[in-house]
């Protein structure tokens, strides 16, 4: 039960941070709604984790924390993949920009 309380406090803190980033205009409305849904879902799952027993039994999972760990791992891998793809795209854009700047400098020096 103690880990659930810590998780709920963490979720509330993350909701607050989402709100702060939205107010500072660092998140647009879609970003803020996405994270709001994620953190509210996290909190609701923690509060009603005992209700998950039927699902856990059908999946042969021992506890709700095991399920949360598995879901967390899958979500983290999805985020890492998305960040990797974004990083590669950004790298290509930077490379293209550097080439254009180098070509302009070379033309100006002639």
PDB file of N, CA and C in Angstrom:
ATOM      1  N   UNK A   1       0.825  -1.199   0.000  1.00  0.00           N
ATOM      2  CA  UNK A   1       0.000   0.000   0.000  1.00  0.00           C
ATOM      3  C   UNK A   1       0.871   1.266   0.000  1.00  0.00           C
ATOM      4  N   UNK A   2       2.012   1.222   0.671  1.00  0.00           N
ATOM      5  CA  UNK A   2       2.884   2.400   0.732  1.00  0.00           C
ATOM      6  C   UNK A   2       3.375   2.805  -0.649  1.00  0.00           C
ATOM      7  N   UNK A   3       3.688   1.812  -1.491  1.00  0.00           N
ATOM      8  CA  UNK A   3       4.171   2.122  -2.833  1.00  0.00           C
ATOM      9  C   UNK A   3       3.062   2.786  -3.656  1.00  0.00           C
ATOM     10  N   UNK A   4       1.811   2.421  -3.380  1.00  0.00           N
ATOM     11  CA  UNK A   4       0.700   3.059  -4.079  1.00  0.00           C
ATOM     12  C   UNK A   4       0.590   4.523  -3.696  1.00  0.00           C
ATOM     13  N   UNK A   5       0.779   4.832  -2.441  1.00  0.00           N
ATOM     14  CA  UNK A   5       0.713   6.224  -1.986  1.00  0.00           C
ATOM     15  C   UNK A   5       1.826   7.039  -2.628  1.00  0.00           C
ATOM     16  N   UNK A   6       3.023   6.461  -2.672  1.00  0.00           N
ATOM     17  CA  UNK A   6       4.145   7.148  -3.322  1.00  0.00           C
ATOM     18  C   UNK A   6       3.840   7.366  -4.800  1.00  0.00           C
ATOM     19  N   UNK A   7       3.255   6.347  -5.459  1.00  0.00           N
ATOM     20  CA  UNK A   7       2.879   6.466  -6.868  1.00  0.00           C
ATOM     21  C   UNK A   7       1.828   7.530  -7.104  1.00  0.00           C
ATOM     22  N   UNK A   8       0.859   7.609  -6.211  1.00  0.00           N
ATOM     23  CA  UNK A   8      -0.199   8.625  -6.345  1.00  0.00           C
ATOM     24  C   UNK A   8       0.385  10.022  -6.164  1.00  0.00           C
ATOM     25  N   UNK A   9       1.270  10.190  -5.181  1.00  0.00           N
ATOM     26  CA  UNK A   9       1.922  11.491  -4.979  1.00  0.00           C
ATOM     27  C   UNK A   9       2.745  11.861  -6.210  1.00  0.00           C
ATOM     28  N   UNK A  10       3.470  10.870  -6.761  1.00  0.00           N
ATOM     29  CA  UNK A  10       4.236  11.100  -7.982  1.00  0.00           C
ATOM     30  C   UNK A  10       3.315  11.531  -9.124  1.00  0.00           C
ATOM     31  N   UNK A  11       2.181  10.840  -9.303  1.00  0.00           N
ATOM     32  CA  UNK A  11       1.229  11.170 -10.365  1.00  0.00           C
ATOM     33  C   UNK A  11       0.671  12.577 -10.215  1.00  0.00           C
ATOM     34  N   UNK A  12       0.352  12.954  -8.989  1.00  0.00           N
ATOM     35  CA  UNK A  12      -0.159  14.304  -8.738  1.00  0.00           C
ATOM     36  C   UNK A  12       0.921  15.347  -9.054  1.00  0.00           C
ATOM     37  N   UNK A  13       2.154  15.039  -8.665  1.00  0.00           N
ATOM     38  CA  UNK A  13       3.264  15.945  -8.988  1.00  0.00           C
ATOM     39  C   UNK A  13       3.438  16.102 -10.487  1.00  0.00           C
ATOM     40  N   UNK A  14       3.316  15.010 -11.218  1.00  0.00           N
ATOM     41  CA  UNK A  14       3.464  15.071 -12.671  1.00  0.00           C
ATOM     42  C   UNK A  14       2.284  15.817 -13.313  1.00  0.00           C
ATOM     43  N   UNK A  15       1.094  15.667 -12.747  1.00  0.00           N
ATOM     44  CA  UNK A  15      -0.046  16.464 -13.226  1.00  0.00           C
ATOM     45  C   UNK A  15       0.243  17.949 -13.049  1.00  0.00           C
ATOM     46  N   UNK A  16       0.788  18.303 -11.895  1.00  0.00           N
ATOM     47  CA  UNK A  16       1.128  19.698 -11.624  1.00  0.00           C
ATOM     48  C   UNK A  16       2.185  20.206 -12.606  1.00  0.00           C
ATOM     49  N   UNK A  17       3.227  19.396 -12.859  1.00  0.00           N
ATOM     50  CA  UNK A  17       4.253  19.804 -13.814  1.00  0.00           C
ATOM     51  C   UNK A  17       3.682  19.970 -15.217  1.00  0.00           C
ATOM     52  N   UNK A  18       2.770  19.095 -15.600  1.00  0.00           N
ATOM     53  CA  UNK A  18       2.116  19.213 -16.901  1.00  0.00           C
ATOM     54  C   UNK A  18       1.374  20.546 -16.987  1.00  0.00           C
ATOM     55  N   UNK A  19       0.665  20.893 -15.917  1.00  0.00           N
ATOM     56  CA  UNK A  19      -0.055  22.165 -15.874  1.00  0.00           C
ATOM     57  C   UNK A  19       0.916  23.345 -15.979  1.00  0.00           C
ATOM     58  N   UNK A  20       2.027  23.280 -15.246  1.00  0.00           N
ATOM     59  CA  UNK A  20       3.018  24.368 -15.274  1.00  0.00           C
ATOM     60  C   UNK A  20       3.578  24.541 -16.682  1.00  0.00           C
ATOM     61  N   UNK A  21       3.952  23.429 -17.331  1.00  0.00           N
ATOM     62  CA  UNK A  21       4.501  23.512 -18.697  1.00  0.00           C
ATOM     63  C   UNK A  21       3.461  24.051 -19.677  1.00  0.00           C
ATOM     64  N   UNK A  22       2.203  23.701 -19.465  1.00  0.00           N
ATOM     65  CA  UNK A  22       1.139  24.227 -20.328  1.00  0.00           C
ATOM     66  C   UNK A  22       0.976  25.731 -20.121  1.00  0.00           C
ATOM     67  N   UNK A  23       1.003  26.177 -18.879  1.00  0.00           N
ATOM     68  CA  UNK A  23       0.862  27.610 -18.590  1.00  0.00           C
ATOM     69  C   UNK A  23       2.032  28.423 -19.141  1.00  0.00           C
ATOM     70  N   UNK A  24       3.229  27.843 -19.170  1.00  0.00           N
ATOM     71  CA  UNK A  24       4.412  28.520 -19.709  1.00  0.00           C
ATOM     72  C   UNK A  24       4.467  28.443 -21.231  1.00  0.00           C
ATOM     73  N   UNK A  25       3.474  27.803 -21.819  1.00  0.00           N
ATOM     74  CA  UNK A  25       3.383  27.632 -23.275  1.00  0.00           C
ATOM     75  C   UNK A  25       4.481  26.714 -23.821  1.00  0.00           C
ATOM     76  N   UNK A  26       5.038  25.849 -22.961  1.00  0.00           N
ATOM     77  CA  UNK A  26       6.003  24.861 -23.428  1.00  0.00           C
ATOM     78  C   UNK A  26       5.293  23.615 -23.949  1.00  0.00           C
ATOM     79  N   UNK A  27       4.044  23.403 -23.541  1.00  0.00           N
ATOM     80  CA  UNK A  27       3.185  22.357 -24.066  1.00  0.00           C
ATOM     81  C   UNK A  27       2.031  23.026 -24.790  1.00  0.00           C
ATOM     82  N   UNK A  28       1.678  22.501 -25.961  1.00  0.00           N
ATOM     83  CA  UNK A  28       0.456  22.979 -26.586  1.00  0.00           C
ATOM     84  C   UNK A  28      -0.717  22.187 -25.994  1.00  0.00           C
ATOM     85  N   UNK A  29      -1.923  22.469 -26.452  1.00  0.00           N
ATOM     86  CA  UNK A  29      -3.109  21.833 -25.879  1.00  0.00           C
ATOM     87  C   UNK A  29      -3.083  20.324 -26.058  1.00  0.00           C
ATOM     88  N   UNK A  30      -2.657  19.864 -27.214  1.00  0.00           N
ATOM     89  CA  UNK A  30      -2.623  18.419 -27.472  1.00  0.00           C
ATOM     90  C   UNK A  30      -1.616  17.735 -26.550  1.00  0.00           C
ATOM     91  N   UNK A  31      -0.430  18.327 -26.394  1.00  0.00           N
ATOM     92  CA  UNK A  31       0.572  17.765 -25.485  1.00  0.00           C
ATOM     93  C   UNK A  31       0.034  17.691 -24.059  1.00  0.00           C
ATOM     94  N   UNK A  32      -0.569  18.782 -23.627  1.00  0.00           N
ATOM     95  CA  UNK A  32      -1.087  18.837 -22.259  1.00  0.00           C
ATOM     96  C   UNK A  32      -2.191  17.800 -22.052  1.00  0.00           C
ATOM     97  N   UNK A  33      -3.092  17.657 -23.013  1.00  0.00           N
ATOM     98  CA  UNK A  33      -4.156  16.655 -22.887  1.00  0.00           C
ATOM     99  C   UNK A  33      -3.585  15.238 -22.879  1.00  0.00           C
ATOM    100  N   UNK A  34      -2.606  14.981 -23.729  1.00  0.00           N
ATOM    101  CA  UNK A  34      -1.977  13.662 -23.765  1.00  0.00           C
ATOM    102  C   UNK A  34      -1.406  13.303 -22.397  1.00  0.00           C
ATOM    103  N   UNK A  35      -0.596  14.213 -21.824  1.00  0.00           N
ATOM    104  CA  UNK A  35       0.027  13.922 -20.541  1.00  0.00           C
ATOM    105  C   UNK A  35      -0.986  13.918 -19.408  1.00  0.00           C
ATOM    106  N   UNK A  36      -2.020  14.740 -19.509  1.00  0.00           N
ATOM    107  CA  UNK A  36      -3.083  14.726 -18.507  1.00  0.00           C
ATOM    108  C   UNK A  36      -3.752  13.356 -18.468  1.00  0.00           C
ATOM    109  N   UNK A  37      -4.055  12.801 -19.638  1.00  0.00           N
ATOM    110  CA  UNK A  37      -4.671  11.473 -19.712  1.00  0.00           C
ATOM    111  C   UNK A  37      -3.726  10.405 -19.167  1.00  0.00           C
ATOM    112  N   UNK A  38      -2.452  10.493 -19.518  1.00  0.00           N
ATOM    113  CA  UNK A  38      -1.468   9.517 -19.022  1.00  0.00           C
ATOM    114  C   UNK A  38      -1.402   9.547 -17.497  1.00  0.00           C
ATOM    115  N   UNK A  39      -1.255  10.726 -16.912  1.00  0.00           N
ATOM    116  CA  UNK A  39      -1.088  10.806 -15.461  1.00  0.00           C
ATOM    117  C   UNK A  39      -2.372  10.493 -14.714  1.00  0.00           C
ATOM    118  N   UNK A  40      -3.521  10.911 -15.250  1.00  0.00           N
ATOM    119  CA  UNK A  40      -4.788  10.544 -14.603  1.00  0.00           C
ATOM    120  C   UNK A  40      -5.006   9.034 -14.671  1.00  0.00           C
ATOM    121  N   UNK A  41      -4.699   8.434 -15.812  1.00  0.00           N
ATOM    122  CA  UNK A  41      -4.812   6.980 -15.940  1.00  0.00           C
ATOM    123  C   UNK A  41      -3.896   6.267 -14.955  1.00  0.00           C
ATOM    124  N   UNK A  42      -2.683   6.770 -14.802  1.00  0.00           N
ATOM    125  CA  UNK A  42      -1.726   6.209 -13.851  1.00  0.00           C
ATOM    126  C   UNK A  42      -2.283   6.260 -12.432  1.00  0.00           C
ATOM    127  N   UNK A  43      -2.827   7.407 -12.051  1.00  0.00           N
ATOM    128  CA  UNK A  43      -3.377   7.572 -10.703  1.00  0.00           C
ATOM    129  C   UNK A  43      -4.589   6.664 -10.500  1.00  0.00           C
ATOM    130  N   UNK A  44      -5.479   6.613 -11.485  1.00  0.00           N
ATOM    131  CA  UNK A  44      -6.677   5.771 -11.370  1.00  0.00           C
ATOM    132  C   UNK A  44      -6.294   4.297 -11.260  1.00  0.00           C
ATOM    133  N   UNK A  45      -5.320   3.858 -12.057  1.00  0.00           N
ATOM    134  CA  UNK A  45      -4.871   2.464 -11.963  1.00  0.00           C
ATOM    135  C   UNK A  45      -4.289   2.160 -10.590  1.00  0.00           C
ATOM    136  N   UNK A  46      -3.578   3.111 -10.020  1.00  0.00           N
ATOM    137  CA  UNK A  46      -3.021   2.890  -8.682  1.00  0.00           C
ATOM    138  C   UNK A  46      -4.118   2.835  -7.620  1.00  0.00           C
ATOM    139  N   UNK A  47      -5.105   3.702  -7.739  1.00  0.00           N
ATOM    140  CA  UNK A  47      -6.177   3.732  -6.747  1.00  0.00           C
ATOM    141  C   UNK A  47      -7.010   2.453  -6.805  1.00  0.00           C
ATOM    142  N   UNK A  48      -7.308   2.010  -8.021  1.00  0.00           N
ATOM    143  CA  UNK A  48      -8.164   0.838  -8.182  1.00  0.00           C
ATOM    144  C   UNK A  48      -7.367  -0.408  -8.573  1.00  0.00           C
ATOM    145  N   UNK A  49      -6.148  -0.524  -8.082  1.00  0.00           N
ATOM    146  CA  UNK A  49      -5.309  -1.663  -8.463  1.00  0.00           C
ATOM    147  C   UNK A  49      -5.890  -2.996  -7.989  1.00  0.00           C
ATOM    148  N   UNK A  50      -6.638  -2.995  -6.895  1.00  0.00           N
ATOM    149  CA  UNK A  50      -7.253  -4.237  -6.418  1.00  0.00           C
ATOM    150  C   UNK A  50      -8.341  -4.728  -7.367  1.00  0.00           C
ATOM    151  N   UNK A  51      -8.940  -3.822  -8.133  1.00  0.00           N
ATOM    152  CA  UNK A  51      -9.975  -4.197  -9.089  1.00  0.00           C
ATOM    153  C   UNK A  51      -9.404  -4.920 -10.299  1.00  0.00           C
ATOM    154  N   UNK A  52      -8.112  -4.889 -10.449  1.00  0.00           N
ATOM    155  CA  UNK A  52      -7.459  -5.518 -11.597  1.00  0.00           C
ATOM    156  C   UNK A  52      -7.249  -7.017 -11.420  1.00  0.00           C
ATOM    157  N   UNK A  53      -7.640  -7.568 -10.280  1.00  0.00           N
ATOM    158  CA  UNK A  53      -7.363  -8.974  -9.995  1.00  0.00           C
ATOM    159  C   UNK A  53      -7.943  -9.913 -11.043  1.00  0.00           C
ATOM    160  N   UNK A  54      -9.138  -9.631 -11.552  1.00  0.00           N
ATOM    161  CA  UNK A  54      -9.743 -10.486 -12.574  1.00  0.00           C
ATOM    162  C   UNK A  54      -8.895 -10.506 -13.840  1.00  0.00           C
ATOM    163  N   UNK A  55      -8.436  -9.333 -14.256  1.00  0.00           N
ATOM    164  CA  UNK A  55      -7.577  -9.239 -15.442  1.00  0.00           C
ATOM    165  C   UNK A  55      -6.243  -9.940 -15.175  1.00  0.00           C
ATOM    166  N   UNK A  56      -5.701  -9.721 -13.980  1.00  0.00           N
ATOM    167  CA  UNK A  56      -4.412 -10.322 -13.637  1.00  0.00           C
ATOM    168  C   UNK A  56      -4.487 -11.843 -13.650  1.00  0.00           C
ATOM    169  N   UNK A  57      -5.558 -12.385 -13.113  1.00  0.00           N
ATOM    170  CA  UNK A  57      -5.710 -13.846 -13.087  1.00  0.00           C
ATOM    171  C   UNK A  57      -5.804 -14.416 -14.492  1.00  0.00           C
ATOM    172  N   UNK A  58      -6.526 -13.730 -15.367  1.00  0.00           N
ATOM    173  CA  UNK A  58      -6.671 -14.247 -16.732  1.00  0.00           C
ATOM    174  C   UNK A  58      -5.361 -14.171 -17.510  1.00  0.00           C
ATOM    175  N   UNK A  59      -4.474 -13.241 -17.150  1.00  0.00           N
ATOM    176  CA  UNK A  59      -3.177 -13.110 -17.818  1.00  0.00           C
ATOM    177  C   UNK A  59      -2.056 -13.849 -17.089  1.00  0.00           C
ATOM    178  N   UNK A  60      -2.407 -14.532 -16.006  1.00  0.00           N
ATOM    179  CA  UNK A  60      -1.430 -15.259 -15.177  1.00  0.00           C
ATOM    180  C   UNK A  60      -0.332 -14.353 -14.643  1.00  0.00           C
ATOM    181  N   UNK A  61      -0.724 -13.174 -14.183  1.00  0.00           N
ATOM    182  CA  UNK A  61       0.213 -12.214 -13.598  1.00  0.00           C
ATOM    183  C   UNK A  61      -0.033 -12.191 -12.096  1.00  0.00           C
ATOM    184  N   UNK A  62       1.038 -12.192 -11.316  1.00  0.00           N
ATOM    185  CA  UNK A  62       0.947 -12.335  -9.865  1.00  0.00           C
ATOM    186  C   UNK A  62       0.350 -11.118  -9.156  1.00  0.00           C
ATOM    187  N   UNK A  63       0.799  -9.909  -9.543  1.00  0.00           N
ATOM    188  CA  UNK A  63       0.324  -8.725  -8.817  1.00  0.00           C
ATOM    189  C   UNK A  63       0.163  -7.548  -9.773  1.00  0.00           C
ATOM    190  N   UNK A  64      -0.541  -6.545  -9.285  1.00  0.00           N
ATOM    191  CA  UNK A  64      -0.763  -5.337 -10.083  1.00  0.00           C
ATOM    192  C   UNK A  64       0.564  -4.626 -10.350  1.00  0.00           C
ATOM    193  N   UNK A  65       1.492  -4.695  -9.402  1.00  0.00           N
ATOM    194  CA  UNK A  65       2.781  -4.045  -9.601  1.00  0.00           C
ATOM    195  C   UNK A  65       3.552  -4.703 -10.745  1.00  0.00           C
ATOM    196  N   UNK A  66       3.408  -6.024 -10.897  1.00  0.00           N
ATOM    197  CA  UNK A  66       4.038  -6.704 -12.034  1.00  0.00           C
ATOM    198  C   UNK A  66       3.450  -6.187 -13.344  1.00  0.00           C
ATOM    199  N   UNK A  67       2.136  -6.026 -13.364  1.00  0.00           N
ATOM    200  CA  UNK A  67       1.470  -5.506 -14.558  1.00  0.00           C
ATOM    201  C   UNK A  67       1.938  -4.091 -14.860  1.00  0.00           C
ATOM    202  N   UNK A  68       2.000  -3.246 -13.830  1.00  0.00           N
ATOM    203  CA  UNK A  68       2.453  -1.868 -14.028  1.00  0.00           C
ATOM    204  C   UNK A  68       3.888  -1.836 -14.534  1.00  0.00           C
ATOM    205  N   UNK A  69       4.717  -2.732 -14.019  1.00  0.00           N
ATOM    206  CA  UNK A  69       6.111  -2.791 -14.461  1.00  0.00           C
ATOM    207  C   UNK A  69       6.190  -3.180 -15.924  1.00  0.00           C
ATOM    208  N   UNK A  70       5.407  -4.167 -16.324  1.00  0.00           N
ATOM    209  CA  UNK A  70       5.407  -4.597 -17.726  1.00  0.00           C
ATOM    210  C   UNK A  70       4.894  -3.493 -18.647  1.00  0.00           C
ATOM    211  N   UNK A  71       3.806  -2.863 -18.260  1.00  0.00           N
ATOM    212  CA  UNK A  71       3.250  -1.772 -19.069  1.00  0.00           C
ATOM    213  C   UNK A  71       4.248  -0.622 -19.138  1.00  0.00           C
ATOM    214  N   UNK A  72       4.864  -0.296 -18.004  1.00  0.00           N
ATOM    215  CA  UNK A  72       5.855   0.777 -17.974  1.00  0.00           C
ATOM    216  C   UNK A  72       7.033   0.490 -18.885  1.00  0.00           C
ATOM    217  N   UNK A  73       7.486  -0.753 -18.893  1.00  0.00           N
ATOM    218  CA  UNK A  73       8.606  -1.127 -19.755  1.00  0.00           C
ATOM    219  C   UNK A  73       8.224  -0.982 -21.225  1.00  0.00           C
ATOM    220  N   UNK A  74       7.041  -1.439 -21.586  1.00  0.00           N
ATOM    221  CA  UNK A  74       6.593  -1.337 -22.975  1.00  0.00           C
ATOM    222  C   UNK A  74       6.455   0.133 -23.385  1.00  0.00           C
ATOM    223  N   UNK A  75       5.866   0.943 -22.528  1.00  0.00           N
ATOM    224  CA  UNK A  75       5.703   2.370 -22.834  1.00  0.00           C
ATOM    225  C   UNK A  75       7.066   3.050 -22.953  1.00  0.00           C
ATOM    226  N   UNK A  76       7.994   2.699 -22.060  1.00  0.00           N
ATOM    227  CA  UNK A  76       9.337   3.292 -22.150  1.00  0.00           C
ATOM    228  C   UNK A  76      10.021   2.924 -23.458  1.00  0.00           C
ATOM    229  N   UNK A  77       9.875   1.690 -23.890  1.00  0.00           N
ATOM    230  CA  UNK A  77      10.486   1.278 -25.154  1.00  0.00           C
ATOM    231  C   UNK A  77       9.861   2.028 -26.331  1.00  0.00           C
ATOM    232  N   UNK A  78       8.549   2.263 -26.283  1.00  0.00           N
ATOM    233  CA  UNK A  78       7.893   3.040 -27.332  1.00  0.00           C
ATOM    234  C   UNK A  78       8.423   4.471 -27.347  1.00  0.00           C
ATOM    235  N   UNK A  79       8.597   5.059 -26.180  1.00  0.00           N
ATOM    236  CA  UNK A  79       9.109   6.427 -26.089  1.00  0.00           C
ATOM    237  C   UNK A  79      10.551   6.497 -26.597  1.00  0.00           C
ATOM    238  N   UNK A  80      11.375   5.535 -26.222  1.00  0.00           N
ATOM    239  CA  UNK A  80      12.762   5.512 -26.691  1.00  0.00           C
ATOM    240  C   UNK A  80      12.802   5.400 -28.214  1.00  0.00           C
ATOM    241  N   UNK A  81      11.970   4.546 -28.782  1.00  0.00           N
ATOM    242  CA  UNK A  81      11.917   4.397 -30.231  1.00  0.00           C
ATOM    243  C   UNK A  81      11.507   5.712 -30.894  1.00  0.00           C
ATOM    244  N   UNK A  82      10.472   6.355 -30.356  1.00  0.00           N
ATOM    245  CA  UNK A  82      10.001   7.636 -30.901  1.00  0.00           C
ATOM    246  C   UNK A  82      11.100   8.698 -30.801  1.00  0.00           C
ATOM    247  N   UNK A  83      11.792   8.757 -29.670  1.00  0.00           N
ATOM    248  CA  UNK A  83      12.869   9.729 -29.507  1.00  0.00           C
ATOM    249  C   UNK A  83      14.016   9.453 -30.476  1.00  0.00           C
ATOM    250  N   UNK A  84      14.331   8.190 -30.699  1.00  0.00           N
ATOM    251  CA  UNK A  84      15.385   7.839 -31.636  1.00  0.00           C
ATOM    252  C   UNK A  84      15.036   8.308 -33.047  1.00  0.00           C
ATOM    253  N   UNK A  85      13.808   8.044 -33.471  1.00  0.00           N
ATOM    254  CA  UNK A  85      13.366   8.466 -34.806  1.00  0.00           C
ATOM    255  C   UNK A  85      13.414   9.988 -34.906  1.00  0.00           C
ATOM    256  N   UNK A  86      12.933  10.685 -33.884  1.00  0.00           N
ATOM    257  CA  UNK A  86      12.965  12.151 -33.887  1.00  0.00           C
ATOM    258  C   UNK A  86      14.389  12.667 -33.943  1.00  0.00           C
ATOM    259  N   UNK A  87      15.282  12.046 -33.198  1.00  0.00           N
ATOM    260  CA  UNK A  87      16.692  12.447 -33.176  1.00  0.00           C
ATOM    261  C   UNK A  87      17.322  12.262 -34.553  1.00  0.00           C
ATOM    262  N   UNK A  88      17.030  11.153 -35.216  1.00  0.00           N
ATOM    263  CA  UNK A  88      17.570  10.904 -36.562  1.00  0.00           C
ATOM    264  C   UNK A  88      17.058  11.959 -37.556  1.00  0.00           C
ATOM    265  N   UNK A  89      15.769  12.262 -37.488  1.00  0.00           N
ATOM    266  CA  UNK A  89      15.199  13.280 -38.393  1.00  0.00           C
ATOM    267  C   UNK A  89      15.849  14.635 -38.147  1.00  0.00           C
ATOM    268  N   UNK A  90      16.013  14.981 -36.877  1.00  0.00           N
ATOM    269  CA  UNK A  90      16.632  16.262 -36.539  1.00  0.00           C
ATOM    270  C   UNK A  90      18.077  16.304 -37.029  1.00  0.00           C
ATOM    271  N   UNK A  91      18.791  15.194 -36.891  1.00  0.00           N
ATOM    272  CA  UNK A  91      20.168  15.119 -37.381  1.00  0.00           C
ATOM    273  C   UNK A  91      20.247  15.345 -38.882  1.00  0.00           C
ATOM    274  N   UNK A  92      19.313  14.759 -39.616  1.00  0.00           N
ATOM    275  CA  UNK A  92      19.292  14.947 -41.074  1.00  0.00           C
ATOM    276  C   UNK A  92      18.991  16.401 -41.431  1.00  0.00           C
ATOM    277  N   UNK A  93      18.066  17.026 -40.699  1.00  0.00           N
ATOM    278  CA  UNK A  93      17.750  18.433 -40.958  1.00  0.00           C
ATOM    279  C   UNK A  93      18.951  19.327 -40.666  1.00  0.00           C
ATOM    280  N   UNK A  94      19.656  19.051 -39.580  1.00  0.00           N
ATOM    281  CA  UNK A  94      20.840  19.841 -39.237  1.00  0.00           C
ATOM    282  C   UNK A  94      21.911  19.665 -40.301  1.00  0.00           C
ATOM    283  N   UNK A  95      22.113  18.430 -40.749  1.00  0.00           N
ATOM    284  CA  UNK A  95      23.110  18.166 -41.794  1.00  0.00           C
ATOM    285  C   UNK A  95      22.776  18.934 -43.070  1.00  0.00           C
ATOM    286  N   UNK A  96      21.502  18.939 -43.459  1.00  0.00           N
ATOM    287  CA  UNK A  96      21.070  19.661 -44.653  1.00  0.00           C
ATOM    288  C   UNK A  96      21.289  21.169 -44.482  1.00  0.00           C
ATOM    289  N   UNK A  97      20.982  21.690 -43.312  1.00  0.00           N
ATOM    290  CA  UNK A  97      21.165  23.112 -43.036  1.00  0.00           C
ATOM    291  C   UNK A  97      22.643  23.490 -43.079  1.00  0.00           C
ATOM    292  N   UNK A  98      23.491  22.676 -42.492  1.00  0.00           N
ATOM    293  CA  UNK A  98      24.938  22.949 -42.496  1.00  0.00           C
ATOM    294  C   UNK A  98      25.465  22.941 -43.928  1.00  0.00           C
ATOM    295  N   UNK A  99      24.998  22.010 -44.739  1.00  0.00           N
ATOM    296  CA  UNK A  99      25.431  21.964 -46.139  1.00  0.00           C
ATOM    297  C   UNK A  99      25.020  23.232 -46.886  1.00  0.00           C
ATOM    298  N   UNK A 100      23.772  23.671 -46.670  1.00  0.00           N
ATOM    299  CA  UNK A 100      23.303  24.888 -47.340  1.00  0.00           C
ATOM    300  C   UNK A 100      24.123  26.100 -46.918  1.00  0.00           C
ATOM    301  N   UNK A 101      24.422  26.200 -45.632  1.00  0.00           N
ATOM    302  CA  UNK A 101      25.221  27.322 -45.134  1.00  0.00           C
ATOM    303  C   UNK A 101      26.631  27.271 -45.722  1.00  0.00           C
ATOM    304  N   UNK A 102      27.206  26.070 -45.784  1.00  0.00           N
ATOM    305  CA  UNK A 102      28.552  25.928 -46.343  1.00  0.00           C
ATOM    306  C   UNK A 102      28.583  26.306 -47.823  1.00  0.00           C
ATOM    307  N   UNK A 103      27.559  25.919 -48.563  1.00  0.00           N
ATOM    308  CA  UNK A 103      27.491  26.271 -49.986  1.00  0.00           C
ATOM    309  C   UNK A 103      27.362  27.774 -50.154  1.00  0.00           C
ATOM    310  N   UNK A 104      26.523  28.436 -49.330  1.00  0.00           N
ATOM    311  CA  UNK A 104      26.369  29.892 -49.405  1.00  0.00           C
ATOM    312  C   UNK A 104      27.686  30.601 -49.086  1.00  0.00           C
ATOM    313  N   UNK A 105      28.393  30.130 -48.081  1.00  0.00           N
ATOM    314  CA  UNK A 105      29.673  30.744 -47.709  1.00  0.00           C
ATOM    315  C   UNK A 105      30.697  30.558 -48.832  1.00  0.00           C
ATOM    316  N   UNK A 106      30.688  29.393 -49.419  1.00  0.00           N
ATOM    317  CA  UNK A 106      31.627  29.138 -50.528  1.00  0.00           C
ATOM    318  C   UNK A 106      31.316  30.031 -51.728  1.00  0.00           C
ATOM    319  N   UNK A 107      30.044  30.244 -52.012  1.00  0.00           N
ATOM    320  CA  UNK A 107      29.659  31.110 -53.133  1.00  0.00           C
ATOM    321  C   UNK A 107      29.990  32.563 -52.834  1.00  0.00           C
ATOM    322  N   UNK A 108      29.842  32.999 -51.596  1.00  0.00           N
ATOM    323  CA  UNK A 108      30.134  34.391 -51.214  1.00  0.00           C
ATOM    324  C   UNK A 108      31.627  34.668 -51.233  1.00  0.00           C
ATOM    325  N   UNK A 109      32.445  33.663 -50.981  1.00  0.00           N
ATOM    326  CA  UNK A 109      33.900  33.849 -50.950  1.00  0.00           C
ATOM    327  C   UNK A 109      34.520  33.907 -52.343  1.00  0.00           C
ATOM    328  N   UNK A 110      33.799  33.563 -53.380  1.00  0.00           N
ATOM    329  CA  UNK A 110      34.345  33.575 -54.752  1.00  0.00           C
ATOM    330  C   UNK A 110      34.436  34.950 -55.302  1.00  0.00           C
TER     331      UNK A 110
END
